[in-house]
Amino acid sequence: MEKEEKFTAANAQELTQQNPKTEESAVKDTEAQPKKKRRIKRLVIILIIAAVAGVSATLIIRACHQKSEYGYEYGDEPMDGPVSYNNGKSNIINPVTKEVIVKDIDWCHYSSNNDEDPIVLFAKNGKRGFCNIVTNEVIVQPTTYTKAWVFSEGLAAVEKNGYIGFVNAKGDVAIKFKYSYRGNPLFEFVFHNGHCVVADSSNKIGVIDHKGRWVIKPLYDNIELAKDYAIVYKDGEFKKQIDFKGNVLQDGIIDYINNLYYEVNYTDLQTGEQKVGEAKINDYYEYRVGGYSGLVDSEGNIITPPIYTDISGITPTLFKAQLQDWTSMVIIDQKGNVLSKVSK
C-alpha cells in the first residue's frame, strides 16, 4: 500500500506541473480511484448475486410450473383432483381452469402415462366414457361400452358384446374386439412394457403386443408379466418362464415349499402326563404351484405332480392329500402311490 500511495502522489505532482489549474482536481481524482474501484467491485458482486438469484428463481418457478400442470405418474391423482361436487352430484373438471367437462357422473378413475395427456375413465348412466382433462374433450361418449379400463401406454380396453377391444387417445378403435371377457378385475387388460394379458374365445389366456398380435399363444390359465418374459401356468402343471418369442427359458417353476409335520404322543417329564405334539418330517416336503400341492423329497426329486389342494403328514412316510373338490382326501406313500387297500 505504501508504494501505491507514493506512486499516486508522484503522478499528481507531474500532472500539476503540466497543468497547474488541474492540481486540485487531479489530486481529488487520484484519491477517488481506490473508492471507484471498490464501488465497481461491489457493483459487480451485487450484479453476480442478482444474476444467480434470478436463475435460481427461474428454475424454481419452472419446477413449480411443471408440477402444477400435468406431469403425473401413472395412477396418481392430479393436484386438486379432476372431480368437483355440487348438490350431491359429481362432475369432472379441468384441475387448473376448474371448467366442468362432464356433469353428473357415477364415478371416475384417473390415470396418465409419462408424457401423455391425462385421461379420465368415467361412468355415467351405467355406461363408460373417457375425457381428456387437458383439452377438455370427451374422447369416448358414455353410450356404447358397459365396461372399460384405464389408459396405459396409449391404449385403453373396452368391452362390447362380451369381447375386449382397445381404443386410442382419440377414442378410435385401435385393436378390434376379439378377446374374450372373463369378468377380469380392473387391473387386468392394462399394457405393461408393450404387452397385455388377454383371453381367446376358449377363455385360455396369452399375451398380445400393441398391434393386437399374439406374442405368447393363448394356452394358459394364468400369466404373470415381467419386463422381458412371462411366467405362464396351466392348472395341475408346473409354471414356465417364456420370453415374448415363445421360447421356454425355464420349466418346472414352483411358488414355494412347506415343511411337513406329523402327530406324536409323548410323556411330559415334569408332570408325567401323556401329550400330543408335532414332529418334523425331514425327508419330504409339500411344494405349491398356482394354488395346488405336490410332494417332493429332500433331494429335490418330484414325487407327485401339483394336483392336490393340500398335503399333510400322517407318519414320516405317509401323507394325507386333499383332492380338488376341497373335501375328499386320499392317503399317499413316500412314492406318491395312492393307498386304497381296506383291511378286512
Protein backbone atom coordinates (compact mmCIF):
# COMPACT_ATOMS: atom_id res chain seq x y z
CA MET A 1 0.00 0.00 0.00
CA GLU A 2 2.87 2.45 0.77
CA LYS A 3 4.41 2.06 -2.73
CA GLU A 4 1.00 2.55 -4.31
CA GLU A 5 0.45 5.84 -2.37
CA LYS A 6 3.91 7.26 -3.39
CA PHE A 7 3.26 6.37 -7.00
CA THR A 8 -0.13 8.08 -6.91
CA ALA A 9 1.28 11.29 -5.37
CA ALA A 10 4.05 11.45 -7.98
CA ASN A 11 1.52 11.16 -10.70
CA ALA A 12 -0.44 14.03 -9.18
CA GLN A 13 2.66 16.26 -8.99
CA GLU A 14 3.51 15.56 -12.62
CA LEU A 15 0.01 16.44 -13.68
CA THR A 16 0.22 19.71 -11.70
CA GLN A 17 3.42 20.76 -13.39
CA GLN A 18 1.91 20.14 -16.80
CA ASN A 19 -1.32 21.97 -15.98
CA PRO A 20 -1.33 23.97 -12.69
CA LYS A 21 -5.03 24.67 -12.91
CA THR A 22 -5.82 20.97 -12.59
CA GLU A 23 -3.75 20.37 -9.46
CA GLU A 24 -6.65 20.21 -7.09
CA SER A 25 -8.88 18.14 -9.38
CA ALA A 26 -6.03 15.76 -10.23
CA VAL A 27 -5.38 15.08 -6.57
CA LYS A 28 -9.06 14.53 -5.95
CA ASP A 29 -9.34 12.14 -8.94
CA THR A 30 -6.30 10.25 -7.77
CA GLU A 31 -7.68 9.88 -4.27
CA ALA A 32 -11.08 8.79 -5.69
CA GLN A 33 -9.66 5.98 -7.80
CA PRO A 34 -9.48 3.36 -5.00
CA LYS A 35 -13.02 4.32 -3.94
CA LYS A 36 -14.27 3.91 -7.52
CA LYS A 37 -12.56 0.53 -7.77
CA ARG A 38 -14.25 -0.56 -4.57
CA ARG A 39 -17.62 0.70 -5.80
CA ILE A 40 -17.20 -1.06 -9.15
CA LYS A 41 -16.13 -4.26 -7.43
CA ARG A 42 -19.12 -4.00 -5.08
CA LEU A 43 -21.44 -3.38 -8.03
CA VAL A 44 -20.07 -6.39 -9.92
CA ILE A 45 -20.60 -8.60 -6.85
CA ILE A 46 -24.17 -7.33 -6.48
CA LEU A 47 -24.86 -7.99 -10.18
CA ILE A 48 -23.46 -11.53 -9.89
CA ILE A 49 -25.59 -12.26 -6.80
CA ALA A 50 -28.65 -10.86 -8.55
CA ALA A 51 -27.98 -12.97 -11.65
CA VAL A 52 -27.56 -16.16 -9.59
CA ALA A 53 -30.71 -15.38 -7.62
CA GLY A 54 -32.59 -14.70 -10.86
CA VAL A 55 -31.52 -18.01 -12.39
CA SER A 56 -32.42 -19.89 -9.20
CA ALA A 57 -35.79 -18.19 -9.04
CA THR A 58 -36.43 -19.03 -12.71
CA LEU A 59 -35.59 -22.69 -12.12
CA ILE A 60 -37.81 -22.83 -9.05
CA ILE A 61 -40.68 -21.17 -10.91
CA ARG A 62 -40.26 -23.56 -13.82
CA ALA A 63 -40.20 -26.56 -11.49
CA CYS A 64 -43.32 -25.35 -9.68
CA HIS A 65 -44.98 -24.64 -13.01
CA GLN A 66 -44.20 -28.14 -14.26
CA LYS A 67 -45.54 -29.68 -11.07
CA SER A 68 -48.65 -27.54 -11.17
CA GLU A 69 -49.57 -28.78 -14.63
CA TYR A 70 -49.89 -32.38 -15.80
CA GLY A 71 -46.65 -34.21 -15.04
CA TYR A 72 -48.37 -37.00 -13.08
CA GLU A 73 -47.22 -40.57 -12.73
CA TYR A 74 -49.45 -43.49 -13.70
CA GLY A 75 -52.36 -43.89 -11.31
CA ASP A 76 -51.69 -40.74 -9.29
CA GLU A 77 -54.48 -38.23 -8.78
CA PRO A 78 -53.91 -34.73 -10.21
CA MET A 79 -53.29 -31.95 -7.71
CA ASP A 80 -56.67 -30.54 -6.66
CA GLY A 81 -58.27 -33.54 -8.41
CA PRO A 82 -60.39 -33.78 -11.57
CA VAL A 83 -63.68 -34.05 -9.66
CA SER A 84 -65.98 -31.46 -8.15
CA TYR A 85 -69.12 -32.00 -6.11
CA ASN A 86 -72.29 -29.94 -6.33
CA ASN A 87 -75.64 -30.77 -4.69
CA GLY A 88 -74.69 -34.41 -4.29
CA LYS A 89 -73.61 -34.73 -7.93
CA SER A 90 -70.08 -35.40 -9.19
CA ASN A 91 -68.58 -33.56 -12.13
CA ILE A 92 -65.27 -33.99 -13.97
CA ILE A 93 -63.40 -30.70 -14.16
CA ASN A 94 -60.15 -29.33 -15.52
CA PRO A 95 -57.96 -29.21 -12.36
CA VAL A 96 -56.34 -25.92 -13.45
CA THR A 97 -59.18 -23.90 -15.00
CA LYS A 98 -61.95 -25.60 -12.95
CA GLU A 99 -64.04 -25.78 -16.12
CA VAL A 100 -66.67 -28.55 -15.99
CA ILE A 101 -66.04 -31.19 -18.68
CA VAL A 102 -68.65 -33.85 -17.82
CA LYS A 103 -71.62 -33.37 -15.48
CA ASP A 104 -73.44 -35.81 -13.22
CA ILE A 105 -71.10 -38.82 -13.39
CA ASP A 106 -71.48 -42.01 -11.35
CA TRP A 107 -67.75 -42.36 -10.66
CA CYS A 108 -64.39 -41.82 -12.34
CA HIS A 109 -60.88 -43.22 -12.32
CA TYR A 110 -57.82 -41.17 -13.27
CA SER A 111 -54.66 -42.35 -14.97
CA SER A 112 -51.87 -40.81 -17.03
CA ASN A 113 -48.78 -42.26 -18.61
CA ASN A 114 -45.47 -40.44 -18.75
CA ASP A 115 -45.83 -37.60 -21.29
CA GLU A 116 -49.35 -38.48 -22.40
CA ASP A 117 -52.22 -36.17 -21.60
CA PRO A 118 -54.15 -37.23 -18.50
CA ILE A 119 -57.31 -39.14 -19.44
CA VAL A 120 -60.10 -39.92 -17.02
CA LEU A 121 -62.26 -43.03 -17.25
CA PHE A 122 -65.78 -42.32 -16.01
CA ALA A 123 -69.16 -43.97 -15.69
CA LYS A 124 -72.47 -42.26 -16.39
CA ASN A 125 -75.88 -43.94 -16.51
CA GLY A 126 -74.26 -47.37 -16.46
CA LYS A 127 -72.00 -46.72 -19.47
CA ARG A 128 -68.29 -45.92 -19.68
CA GLY A 129 -66.56 -42.96 -21.28
CA PHE A 130 -63.21 -41.17 -21.39
CA CYS A 131 -62.32 -37.49 -21.25
CA ASN A 132 -59.06 -35.57 -21.56
CA ILE A 133 -58.70 -33.11 -18.67
CA VAL A 134 -56.11 -31.04 -20.53
CA THR A 135 -58.04 -30.43 -23.75
CA ASN A 136 -61.46 -30.65 -22.00
CA GLU A 137 -62.51 -33.12 -24.72
CA VAL A 138 -64.77 -36.14 -24.19
CA ILE A 139 -62.97 -38.63 -26.42
CA VAL A 140 -65.41 -41.52 -25.84
CA GLN A 141 -69.03 -40.75 -25.08
CA PRO A 142 -70.70 -42.88 -22.36
CA THR A 143 -73.14 -44.52 -24.76
CA THR A 144 -71.61 -47.78 -26.04
CA TYR A 145 -69.35 -49.54 -23.57
CA THR A 146 -70.57 -51.11 -20.33
CA LYS A 147 -67.04 -51.95 -19.11
CA ALA A 148 -63.73 -50.17 -19.61
CA TRP A 149 -60.24 -49.99 -18.13
CA VAL A 150 -57.76 -47.16 -17.56
CA PHE A 151 -55.40 -45.94 -20.28
CA SER A 152 -51.95 -47.46 -20.33
CA GLU A 153 -49.26 -46.89 -22.95
CA GLY A 154 -51.71 -45.01 -25.16
CA LEU A 155 -54.44 -47.66 -25.18
CA ALA A 156 -57.49 -48.48 -23.05
CA ALA A 157 -59.50 -51.69 -23.04
CA VAL A 158 -63.27 -51.54 -23.53
CA GLU A 159 -65.84 -54.34 -23.59
CA LYS A 160 -68.60 -54.82 -26.14
CA ASN A 161 -70.85 -57.88 -26.56
CA GLY A 162 -68.60 -59.99 -24.31
CA TYR A 163 -65.36 -59.17 -26.13
CA ILE A 164 -62.47 -56.85 -25.38
CA GLY A 165 -61.02 -54.30 -27.77
CA PHE A 166 -58.76 -51.28 -27.28
CA VAL A 167 -59.25 -47.59 -28.08
CA ASN A 168 -56.55 -44.96 -28.51
CA ALA A 169 -56.29 -41.46 -27.04
CA LYS A 170 -58.51 -40.12 -29.83
CA GLY A 171 -61.26 -42.58 -28.96
CA ASP A 172 -60.77 -44.64 -32.13
CA VAL A 173 -60.76 -48.45 -32.01
CA ALA A 174 -57.07 -49.40 -32.33
CA ILE A 175 -57.37 -53.16 -31.61
CA LYS A 176 -60.54 -54.95 -32.70
CA PHE A 177 -62.97 -56.73 -30.37
CA LYS A 178 -61.70 -60.31 -30.49
CA TYR A 179 -60.59 -61.15 -26.95
CA SER A 180 -62.99 -62.87 -24.58
CA TYR A 181 -64.08 -61.01 -21.44
CA ARG A 182 -63.91 -63.34 -18.43
CA GLY A 183 -65.03 -60.96 -15.71
CA ASN A 184 -61.45 -59.90 -15.03
CA PRO A 185 -60.81 -57.29 -12.32
CA LEU A 186 -59.81 -53.69 -13.12
CA PHE A 187 -56.05 -54.20 -13.07
CA GLU A 188 -56.20 -56.62 -15.99
CA PHE A 189 -56.38 -55.59 -19.67
CA VAL A 190 -53.70 -52.99 -19.00
CA PHE A 191 -50.48 -52.77 -21.04
CA HIS A 192 -47.10 -53.01 -19.30
CA ASN A 193 -43.82 -52.69 -21.22
CA GLY A 194 -45.64 -53.18 -24.51
CA HIS A 195 -47.62 -56.29 -23.51
CA CYS A 196 -51.08 -57.16 -22.20
CA VAL A 197 -52.68 -60.39 -21.00
CA VAL A 198 -55.95 -61.27 -22.77
CA ALA A 199 -58.10 -64.36 -23.39
CA ASP A 200 -59.27 -66.05 -26.57
CA SER A 201 -62.77 -67.40 -27.23
CA SER A 202 -61.97 -70.59 -25.27
CA ASN A 203 -61.04 -68.48 -22.22
CA LYS A 204 -57.41 -69.56 -22.36
CA ILE A 205 -55.06 -66.63 -21.93
CA GLY A 206 -51.98 -65.37 -23.74
CA VAL A 207 -50.09 -62.13 -24.33
CA ILE A 208 -50.52 -59.55 -27.11
CA ASP A 209 -48.48 -56.55 -28.23
CA HIS A 210 -49.66 -53.01 -29.14
CA LYS A 211 -50.84 -54.26 -32.54
CA GLY A 212 -53.01 -56.99 -31.02
CA ARG A 213 -50.69 -59.77 -32.20
CA TRP A 214 -50.16 -62.87 -30.03
CA VAL A 215 -46.59 -62.91 -28.69
CA ILE A 216 -47.47 -65.78 -26.32
CA LYS A 217 -50.22 -68.04 -27.58
CA PRO A 218 -53.46 -68.38 -25.54
CA LEU A 219 -52.79 -71.76 -23.96
CA TYR A 220 -52.70 -70.97 -20.25
CA ASP A 221 -54.85 -70.48 -17.16
CA ASN A 222 -52.73 -67.76 -15.58
CA ILE A 223 -49.91 -65.45 -16.69
CA GLU A 224 -47.67 -63.10 -14.70
CA LEU A 225 -45.93 -60.44 -16.79
CA ALA A 226 -42.37 -59.25 -16.27
CA LYS A 227 -40.41 -56.78 -18.40
CA ASP A 228 -38.63 -59.32 -20.60
CA TYR A 229 -40.60 -62.52 -20.01
CA ALA A 230 -43.79 -64.03 -18.61
CA ILE A 231 -44.48 -66.79 -16.11
CA VAL A 232 -47.20 -68.98 -17.61
CA TYR A 233 -49.26 -71.61 -15.85
CA LYS A 234 -51.74 -74.38 -16.62
CA ASP A 235 -53.78 -75.87 -13.79
CA GLY A 236 -52.15 -79.01 -12.41
CA GLU A 237 -48.80 -78.35 -14.12
CA PHE A 238 -45.56 -76.59 -13.30
CA LYS A 239 -45.07 -72.97 -14.22
CA LYS A 240 -42.83 -71.97 -17.12
CA GLN A 241 -40.74 -68.91 -17.87
CA ILE A 242 -41.29 -67.89 -21.51
CA ASP A 243 -39.95 -64.95 -23.50
CA PHE A 244 -42.06 -62.93 -25.92
CA LYS A 245 -40.90 -65.01 -28.86
CA GLY A 246 -42.40 -68.14 -27.32
CA ASN A 247 -39.10 -69.66 -26.16
CA VAL A 248 -39.20 -71.59 -22.87
CA LEU A 249 -36.43 -70.20 -20.66
CA GLN A 250 -37.13 -72.35 -17.60
CA ASP A 251 -39.53 -75.18 -16.85
CA GLY A 252 -40.60 -76.70 -13.54
CA ILE A 253 -41.08 -73.41 -11.67
CA ILE A 254 -42.85 -73.64 -8.29
CA ASP A 255 -44.17 -70.99 -5.89
CA TYR A 256 -42.83 -72.16 -2.53
CA ILE A 257 -42.09 -75.19 -0.29
CA ASN A 258 -43.57 -76.03 3.11
CA ASN A 259 -42.24 -78.25 5.87
CA LEU A 260 -44.37 -81.27 6.76
CA TYR A 261 -45.19 -82.50 10.29
CA TYR A 262 -46.97 -85.46 11.85
CA GLU A 263 -48.52 -86.01 15.27
CA VAL A 264 -46.57 -87.84 18.01
CA ASN A 265 -47.54 -88.92 21.51
CA TYR A 266 -45.07 -88.18 24.31
CA THR A 267 -44.84 -88.07 28.08
CA ASP A 268 -44.31 -84.76 29.83
CA LEU A 269 -41.22 -85.35 32.00
CA GLN A 270 -42.32 -82.81 34.62
CA THR A 271 -45.93 -83.85 35.07
CA GLY A 272 -45.87 -87.40 33.74
CA GLU A 273 -48.92 -86.61 31.57
CA GLN A 274 -49.42 -88.01 28.09
CA LYS A 275 -49.47 -85.27 25.47
CA VAL A 276 -49.71 -84.88 21.70
CA GLY A 277 -47.12 -82.86 19.79
CA GLU A 278 -45.67 -82.48 16.33
CA ALA A 279 -42.52 -83.90 14.78
CA LYS A 280 -40.98 -82.55 11.59
CA ILE A 281 -40.65 -84.87 8.60
CA ASN A 282 -37.07 -84.46 7.42
CA ASP A 283 -37.11 -86.29 4.10
CA TYR A 284 -40.24 -84.92 2.38
CA TYR A 285 -41.85 -81.54 1.70
CA GLU A 286 -45.00 -80.05 0.23
CA TYR A 287 -44.45 -77.72 -2.73
CA ARG A 288 -47.05 -75.29 -4.10
CA VAL A 289 -47.75 -74.22 -7.69
CA GLY A 290 -50.64 -71.93 -8.55
CA GLY A 291 -52.69 -72.93 -5.53
CA TYR A 292 -52.05 -76.68 -5.83
CA SER A 293 -49.75 -79.03 -3.89
CA GLY A 294 -47.36 -81.83 -4.69
CA LEU A 295 -44.82 -83.94 -2.82
CA VAL A 296 -41.04 -83.56 -3.21
CA ASP A 297 -38.19 -85.27 -1.37
CA SER A 298 -35.19 -83.68 0.33
CA GLU A 299 -33.02 -84.23 -2.77
CA GLY A 300 -35.39 -82.23 -4.98
CA ASN A 301 -36.99 -85.20 -6.72
CA ILE A 302 -40.64 -84.52 -7.62
CA ILE A 303 -42.77 -87.39 -6.28
CA THR A 304 -46.25 -86.22 -7.35
CA PRO A 305 -47.40 -83.52 -9.79
CA PRO A 306 -49.15 -80.46 -8.26
CA ILE A 307 -52.65 -81.96 -8.35
CA TYR A 308 -53.75 -81.71 -4.69
CA THR A 309 -55.11 -78.73 -2.81
CA ASP A 310 -53.24 -79.64 0.40
CA ILE A 311 -50.80 -82.26 1.74
CA SER A 312 -50.09 -83.02 5.42
CA GLY A 313 -48.15 -85.71 7.26
CA ILE A 314 -49.53 -88.80 9.00
CA THR A 315 -46.23 -90.60 9.65
CA PRO A 316 -42.71 -89.97 8.31
CA THR A 317 -43.68 -91.87 5.14
CA LEU A 318 -47.50 -91.50 4.89
CA PHE A 319 -49.44 -88.37 3.89
CA LYS A 320 -52.99 -87.00 3.59
CA ALA A 321 -53.65 -85.39 0.22
CA GLN A 322 -56.78 -83.30 -0.34
CA LEU A 323 -58.41 -83.52 -3.76
CA GLN A 324 -59.51 -80.57 -5.86
CA ASP A 325 -63.11 -80.66 -4.60
CA TRP A 326 -61.58 -79.43 -1.28
CA THR A 327 -63.33 -82.12 0.79
CA SER A 328 -62.21 -85.55 -0.45
CA MET A 329 -58.88 -86.97 0.69
CA VAL A 330 -56.59 -89.83 -0.22
CA ILE A 331 -53.59 -91.35 1.56
CA ILE A 332 -50.34 -91.46 -0.37
CA ASP A 333 -46.99 -93.04 0.49
CA GLN A 334 -43.48 -91.66 0.08
CA LYS A 335 -43.51 -92.72 -3.58
CA GLY A 336 -46.75 -90.90 -4.32
CA ASN A 337 -48.82 -94.05 -4.59
CA VAL A 338 -52.45 -93.74 -3.52
CA LEU A 339 -53.14 -96.39 -0.86
CA SER A 340 -56.65 -97.72 -1.40
CA LYS A 341 -56.48 -101.07 0.34
CA VAL A 342 -59.06 -101.68 3.05
CA SER A 343 -58.14 -104.08 5.86
CA LYS A 344 -60.63 -106.90 6.48
